[in-house]
Amino acid sequence: MNTKLYVLLAASVLALSACNKSEEAAASADQAQAAATDAAAAAGDAATAAGDAAAAATDAAATATADAAAQAGDAAAAAATDAAAATTDAAADAAQATADAAQNVADKAEAAAEEVKK
């Protein structure tokens, strides 16, 4: 009978220690679940931050592209104006040279006519 009591006592002690361990395991599982929830929330925050950063980068790139296009347009307009001015100057110079050549031919023709009269 004493042996049965000792066996029963030992079984009770083991059962109680197992209960404590399962409570510890449950507490550990709760902590792990809380940590997983926190990690999921942090991952969501990181994804939101990455999306915001991508949107900001896209806006910055669009602004830079628009600025570059405006500068290119301004440069093209300035180049066109300069080319038009150079073309006008060249045309004026060509017209003057033509007039000078015509005057020279007229002078020579007049001189030749004077020679023929003599």
N, C-alpha and C. Protein backbone atom coordinates (compact mmCIF):
# COMPACT_ATOMS: atom_id res chain seq x y z
N MET A 1 0.81 -1.17 0.00
CA MET A 1 0.00 0.00 0.00
C MET A 1 0.86 1.25 0.00
N ASN A 2 1.93 1.26 0.76
CA ASN A 2 2.83 2.41 0.76
C ASN A 2 3.43 2.63 -0.62
N THR A 3 3.72 1.56 -1.29
CA THR A 3 4.30 1.69 -2.62
C THR A 3 3.29 2.33 -3.56
N LYS A 4 2.04 1.94 -3.42
CA LYS A 4 1.01 2.53 -4.28
C LYS A 4 0.87 4.03 -3.99
N LEU A 5 1.00 4.41 -2.74
CA LEU A 5 0.92 5.83 -2.39
C LEU A 5 2.10 6.60 -2.98
N TYR A 6 3.29 6.00 -2.91
CA TYR A 6 4.45 6.66 -3.48
C TYR A 6 4.32 6.80 -5.00
N VAL A 7 3.82 5.75 -5.63
CA VAL A 7 3.62 5.80 -7.07
C VAL A 7 2.57 6.85 -7.41
N LEU A 8 1.49 6.89 -6.63
CA LEU A 8 0.44 7.88 -6.85
C LEU A 8 0.97 9.30 -6.61
N LEU A 9 1.78 9.46 -5.58
CA LEU A 9 2.39 10.76 -5.27
C LEU A 9 3.32 11.19 -6.40
N ALA A 10 4.14 10.26 -6.88
CA ALA A 10 5.07 10.56 -7.96
C ALA A 10 4.30 10.92 -9.23
N ALA A 11 3.22 10.20 -9.51
CA ALA A 11 2.42 10.50 -10.69
C ALA A 11 1.77 11.87 -10.57
N SER A 12 1.33 12.21 -9.37
CA SER A 12 0.73 13.53 -9.15
C SER A 12 1.75 14.64 -9.37
N VAL A 13 2.96 14.41 -8.83
CA VAL A 13 4.02 15.41 -9.00
C VAL A 13 4.34 15.58 -10.48
N LEU A 14 4.46 14.47 -11.19
CA LEU A 14 4.74 14.55 -12.62
C LEU A 14 3.60 15.24 -13.38
N ALA A 15 2.37 14.94 -13.00
CA ALA A 15 1.23 15.57 -13.65
C ALA A 15 1.22 17.07 -13.40
N LEU A 16 1.51 17.46 -12.16
CA LEU A 16 1.56 18.89 -11.84
C LEU A 16 2.70 19.59 -12.58
N SER A 17 3.84 18.91 -12.65
CA SER A 17 4.96 19.54 -13.36
C SER A 17 4.64 19.64 -14.85
N ALA A 18 3.92 18.67 -15.37
CA ALA A 18 3.51 18.74 -16.77
C ALA A 18 2.52 19.88 -16.97
N CYS A 19 1.65 20.09 -16.01
CA CYS A 19 0.71 21.21 -16.11
C CYS A 19 1.45 22.53 -16.12
N ASN A 20 2.46 22.67 -15.28
CA ASN A 20 3.25 23.90 -15.26
C ASN A 20 3.94 24.10 -16.60
N LYS A 21 4.46 23.01 -17.15
CA LYS A 21 5.14 23.13 -18.44
C LYS A 21 4.17 23.49 -19.54
N SER A 22 2.97 22.95 -19.50
CA SER A 22 2.00 23.30 -20.54
C SER A 22 1.55 24.74 -20.38
N GLU A 23 1.49 25.24 -19.14
CA GLU A 23 1.19 26.66 -18.94
C GLU A 23 2.31 27.53 -19.48
N GLU A 24 3.56 27.08 -19.25
CA GLU A 24 4.70 27.81 -19.79
C GLU A 24 4.69 27.77 -21.31
N ALA A 25 4.33 26.59 -21.84
CA ALA A 25 4.26 26.46 -23.29
C ALA A 25 3.16 27.36 -23.85
N ALA A 26 2.03 27.41 -23.15
CA ALA A 26 0.94 28.27 -23.59
C ALA A 26 1.36 29.74 -23.54
N ALA A 27 2.07 30.11 -22.46
CA ALA A 27 2.55 31.48 -22.35
C ALA A 27 3.55 31.79 -23.46
N SER A 28 4.43 30.82 -23.75
CA SER A 28 5.40 31.01 -24.83
C SER A 28 4.69 31.12 -26.17
N ALA A 29 3.65 30.31 -26.36
CA ALA A 29 2.89 30.38 -27.61
C ALA A 29 2.20 31.73 -27.74
N ASP A 30 1.65 32.24 -26.63
CA ASP A 30 1.02 33.56 -26.66
C ASP A 30 2.04 34.64 -27.00
N GLN A 31 3.24 34.52 -26.40
CA GLN A 31 4.28 35.50 -26.69
C GLN A 31 4.71 35.42 -28.16
N ALA A 32 4.81 34.18 -28.66
CA ALA A 32 5.19 34.01 -30.07
C ALA A 32 4.13 34.59 -30.99
N GLN A 33 2.86 34.39 -30.63
CA GLN A 33 1.78 34.94 -31.44
C GLN A 33 1.81 36.47 -31.41
N ALA A 34 2.07 37.04 -30.24
CA ALA A 34 2.16 38.50 -30.13
C ALA A 34 3.33 39.02 -30.95
N ALA A 35 4.46 38.29 -30.89
CA ALA A 35 5.63 38.71 -31.67
C ALA A 35 5.34 38.61 -33.17
N ALA A 36 4.63 37.55 -33.57
CA ALA A 36 4.28 37.41 -34.99
C ALA A 36 3.34 38.53 -35.43
N THR A 37 2.39 38.89 -34.56
CA THR A 37 1.48 39.99 -34.87
C THR A 37 2.24 41.30 -35.01
N ASP A 38 3.19 41.54 -34.09
CA ASP A 38 4.01 42.75 -34.17
C ASP A 38 4.85 42.76 -35.45
N ALA A 39 5.40 41.59 -35.81
CA ALA A 39 6.21 41.50 -37.02
C ALA A 39 5.36 41.77 -38.26
N ALA A 40 4.14 41.24 -38.26
CA ALA A 40 3.24 41.48 -39.40
C ALA A 40 2.89 42.96 -39.51
N ALA A 41 2.64 43.60 -38.36
CA ALA A 41 2.34 45.03 -38.37
C ALA A 41 3.54 45.83 -38.86
N ALA A 42 4.74 45.44 -38.42
CA ALA A 42 5.95 46.13 -38.87
C ALA A 42 6.16 45.94 -40.37
N ALA A 43 5.88 44.73 -40.86
CA ALA A 43 6.00 44.48 -42.30
C ALA A 43 5.00 45.33 -43.08
N GLY A 44 3.79 45.47 -42.55
CA GLY A 44 2.80 46.33 -43.20
C GLY A 44 3.24 47.78 -43.22
N ASP A 45 3.79 48.24 -42.10
CA ASP A 45 4.30 49.61 -42.04
C ASP A 45 5.44 49.82 -43.04
N ALA A 46 6.32 48.81 -43.13
CA ALA A 46 7.44 48.91 -44.07
C ALA A 46 6.94 48.95 -45.51
N ALA A 47 5.92 48.14 -45.80
CA ALA A 47 5.36 48.15 -47.16
C ALA A 47 4.72 49.49 -47.47
N THR A 48 4.02 50.06 -46.50
CA THR A 48 3.41 51.38 -46.70
C THR A 48 4.48 52.44 -46.93
N ALA A 49 5.55 52.37 -46.12
CA ALA A 49 6.64 53.34 -46.28
C ALA A 49 7.30 53.18 -47.65
N ALA A 50 7.47 51.93 -48.09
CA ALA A 50 8.07 51.70 -49.41
C ALA A 50 7.18 52.25 -50.52
N GLY A 51 5.87 52.06 -50.37
CA GLY A 51 4.94 52.62 -51.36
C GLY A 51 4.99 54.13 -51.38
N ASP A 52 5.04 54.74 -50.20
CA ASP A 52 5.13 56.20 -50.13
C ASP A 52 6.43 56.70 -50.77
N ALA A 53 7.53 55.98 -50.50
CA ALA A 53 8.81 56.38 -51.07
C ALA A 53 8.79 56.24 -52.59
N ALA A 54 8.17 55.17 -53.08
CA ALA A 54 8.08 54.99 -54.54
C ALA A 54 7.24 56.10 -55.17
N ALA A 55 6.15 56.46 -54.51
CA ALA A 55 5.30 57.54 -55.04
C ALA A 55 6.07 58.86 -55.05
N ALA A 56 6.82 59.12 -53.98
CA ALA A 56 7.60 60.35 -53.92
C ALA A 56 8.68 60.36 -55.00
N ALA A 57 9.32 59.21 -55.21
CA ALA A 57 10.35 59.12 -56.25
C ALA A 57 9.74 59.34 -57.63
N THR A 58 8.56 58.78 -57.85
CA THR A 58 7.88 58.96 -59.13
C THR A 58 7.53 60.43 -59.35
N ASP A 59 7.02 61.08 -58.30
CA ASP A 59 6.70 62.51 -58.41
C ASP A 59 7.95 63.33 -58.71
N ALA A 60 9.05 63.00 -58.01
CA ALA A 60 10.29 63.74 -58.23
C ALA A 60 10.80 63.52 -59.65
N ALA A 61 10.71 62.29 -60.14
CA ALA A 61 11.16 62.00 -61.50
C ALA A 61 10.30 62.73 -62.53
N ALA A 62 9.00 62.75 -62.29
CA ALA A 62 8.10 63.45 -63.21
C ALA A 62 8.40 64.94 -63.23
N THR A 63 8.65 65.52 -62.07
CA THR A 63 8.98 66.94 -62.00
C THR A 63 10.30 67.22 -62.71
N ALA A 64 11.30 66.36 -62.47
CA ALA A 64 12.59 66.55 -63.13
C ALA A 64 12.46 66.42 -64.64
N THR A 65 11.65 65.47 -65.09
CA THR A 65 11.44 65.29 -66.53
C THR A 65 10.75 66.51 -67.13
N ALA A 66 9.75 67.01 -66.43
CA ALA A 66 9.05 68.20 -66.93
C ALA A 66 9.99 69.40 -66.99
N ASP A 67 10.82 69.56 -65.96
CA ASP A 67 11.78 70.67 -65.96
C ASP A 67 12.77 70.52 -67.11
N ALA A 68 13.26 69.30 -67.32
CA ALA A 68 14.22 69.07 -68.40
C ALA A 68 13.58 69.33 -69.76
N ALA A 69 12.32 68.92 -69.91
CA ALA A 69 11.62 69.17 -71.17
C ALA A 69 11.43 70.66 -71.40
N ALA A 70 11.10 71.39 -70.35
CA ALA A 70 10.93 72.84 -70.48
C ALA A 70 12.25 73.50 -70.86
N GLN A 71 13.34 73.06 -70.23
CA GLN A 71 14.64 73.63 -70.57
C GLN A 71 15.03 73.29 -72.00
N ALA A 72 14.74 72.06 -72.42
CA ALA A 72 15.05 71.67 -73.80
C ALA A 72 14.22 72.49 -74.79
N GLY A 73 12.96 72.73 -74.45
CA GLY A 73 12.11 73.57 -75.30
C GLY A 73 12.64 74.98 -75.40
N ASP A 74 13.05 75.53 -74.26
CA ASP A 74 13.62 76.88 -74.26
C ASP A 74 14.89 76.94 -75.11
N ALA A 75 15.74 75.92 -74.96
CA ALA A 75 16.99 75.89 -75.72
C ALA A 75 16.70 75.77 -77.22
N ALA A 76 15.70 74.95 -77.57
CA ALA A 76 15.34 74.79 -78.98
C ALA A 76 14.79 76.10 -79.54
N ALA A 77 13.97 76.80 -78.76
CA ALA A 77 13.42 78.07 -79.22
C ALA A 77 14.54 79.10 -79.41
N ALA A 78 15.49 79.12 -78.48
CA ALA A 78 16.61 80.06 -78.60
C ALA A 78 17.45 79.72 -79.83
N ALA A 79 17.68 78.42 -80.06
CA ALA A 79 18.46 78.01 -81.23
C ALA A 79 17.73 78.37 -82.52
N ALA A 80 16.42 78.20 -82.54
CA ALA A 80 15.64 78.55 -83.73
C ALA A 80 15.70 80.05 -83.99
N THR A 81 15.62 80.84 -82.93
CA THR A 81 15.71 82.30 -83.07
C THR A 81 17.08 82.70 -83.60
N ASP A 82 18.13 82.08 -83.04
CA ASP A 82 19.49 82.37 -83.51
C ASP A 82 19.66 81.97 -84.97
N ALA A 83 19.12 80.81 -85.34
CA ALA A 83 19.23 80.34 -86.72
C ALA A 83 18.48 81.27 -87.67
N ALA A 84 17.32 81.73 -87.25
CA ALA A 84 16.55 82.66 -88.09
C ALA A 84 17.31 83.96 -88.27
N ALA A 85 17.91 84.45 -87.20
CA ALA A 85 18.68 85.69 -87.29
C ALA A 85 19.89 85.51 -88.21
N ALA A 86 20.56 84.37 -88.08
CA ALA A 86 21.72 84.11 -88.93
C ALA A 86 21.30 83.98 -90.39
N THR A 87 20.16 83.34 -90.64
CA THR A 87 19.66 83.21 -92.01
C THR A 87 19.31 84.57 -92.60
N THR A 88 18.68 85.41 -91.79
CA THR A 88 18.34 86.76 -92.24
C THR A 88 19.59 87.55 -92.57
N ASP A 89 20.60 87.46 -91.70
CA ASP A 89 21.86 88.17 -91.96
C ASP A 89 22.53 87.65 -93.23
N ALA A 90 22.52 86.33 -93.40
CA ALA A 90 23.15 85.75 -94.59
C ALA A 90 22.40 86.17 -95.86
N ALA A 91 21.08 86.22 -95.79
CA ALA A 91 20.30 86.65 -96.95
C ALA A 91 20.57 88.11 -97.27
N ALA A 92 20.68 88.93 -96.25
CA ALA A 92 20.97 90.35 -96.47
C ALA A 92 22.36 90.52 -97.07
N ASP A 93 23.32 89.74 -96.57
CA ASP A 93 24.68 89.82 -97.12
C ASP A 93 24.70 89.37 -98.58
N ALA A 94 23.96 88.30 -98.89
CA ALA A 94 23.90 87.81 -100.27
C ALA A 94 23.24 88.84 -101.18
N ALA A 95 22.18 89.47 -100.71
CA ALA A 95 21.51 90.50 -101.51
C ALA A 95 22.43 91.68 -101.76
N GLN A 96 23.20 92.07 -100.76
CA GLN A 96 24.14 93.18 -100.92
C GLN A 96 25.24 92.81 -101.91
N ALA A 97 25.72 91.57 -101.81
CA ALA A 97 26.77 91.12 -102.73
C ALA A 97 26.24 91.09 -104.16
N THR A 98 24.99 90.65 -104.33
CA THR A 98 24.38 90.63 -105.66
C THR A 98 24.23 92.05 -106.20
N ALA A 99 23.80 92.95 -105.35
CA ALA A 99 23.66 94.36 -105.78
C ALA A 99 25.01 94.94 -106.15
N ASP A 100 26.03 94.64 -105.36
CA ASP A 100 27.37 95.14 -105.67
C ASP A 100 27.87 94.58 -107.00
N ALA A 101 27.63 93.27 -107.22
CA ALA A 101 28.06 92.65 -108.48
C ALA A 101 27.31 93.26 -109.66
N ALA A 102 26.01 93.50 -109.49
CA ALA A 102 25.21 94.11 -110.56
C ALA A 102 25.72 95.52 -110.86
N GLN A 103 26.06 96.26 -109.82
CA GLN A 103 26.59 97.61 -110.01
C GLN A 103 27.93 97.55 -110.73
N ASN A 104 28.75 96.58 -110.38
CA ASN A 104 30.05 96.42 -111.02
C ASN A 104 29.88 96.11 -112.51
N VAL A 105 28.93 95.20 -112.82
CA VAL A 105 28.66 94.86 -114.22
C VAL A 105 28.13 96.09 -114.95
N ALA A 106 27.26 96.84 -114.31
CA ALA A 106 26.72 98.05 -114.94
C ALA A 106 27.82 99.06 -115.20
N ASP A 107 28.74 99.20 -114.24
CA ASP A 107 29.85 100.13 -114.42
C ASP A 107 30.73 99.70 -115.59
N LYS A 108 30.99 98.40 -115.68
CA LYS A 108 31.81 97.89 -116.78
C LYS A 108 31.11 98.07 -118.13
N ALA A 109 29.80 97.83 -118.12
CA ALA A 109 29.03 98.01 -119.36
C ALA A 109 29.06 99.48 -119.78
N GLU A 110 28.94 100.37 -118.82
CA GLU A 110 28.99 101.80 -119.13
C GLU A 110 30.36 102.19 -119.65
N ALA A 111 31.40 101.62 -119.03
CA ALA A 111 32.76 101.92 -119.49
C ALA A 111 32.98 101.39 -120.90
N ALA A 112 32.44 100.21 -121.17
CA ALA A 112 32.58 99.63 -122.51
C ALA A 112 31.83 100.48 -123.53
N ALA A 113 30.67 100.98 -123.15
CA ALA A 113 29.89 101.83 -124.05
C ALA A 113 30.64 103.12 -124.32
N GLU A 114 31.30 103.68 -123.36
CA GLU A 114 32.09 104.90 -123.53
C GLU A 114 33.25 104.64 -124.49
N GLU A 115 33.86 103.47 -124.39
CA GLU A 115 34.98 103.12 -125.26
C GLU A 115 34.51 102.99 -126.71
N VAL A 116 33.31 102.43 -126.87
CA VAL A 116 32.77 102.24 -128.21
C VAL A 116 32.46 103.61 -128.83
N LYS A 117 32.00 104.56 -128.07
CA LYS A 117 31.69 105.89 -128.57
C LYS A 117 32.95 106.61 -129.02
N LYS A 118 34.05 106.34 -128.46
CA LYS A 118 35.27 107.07 -128.78
C LYS A 118 35.80 106.57 -130.03
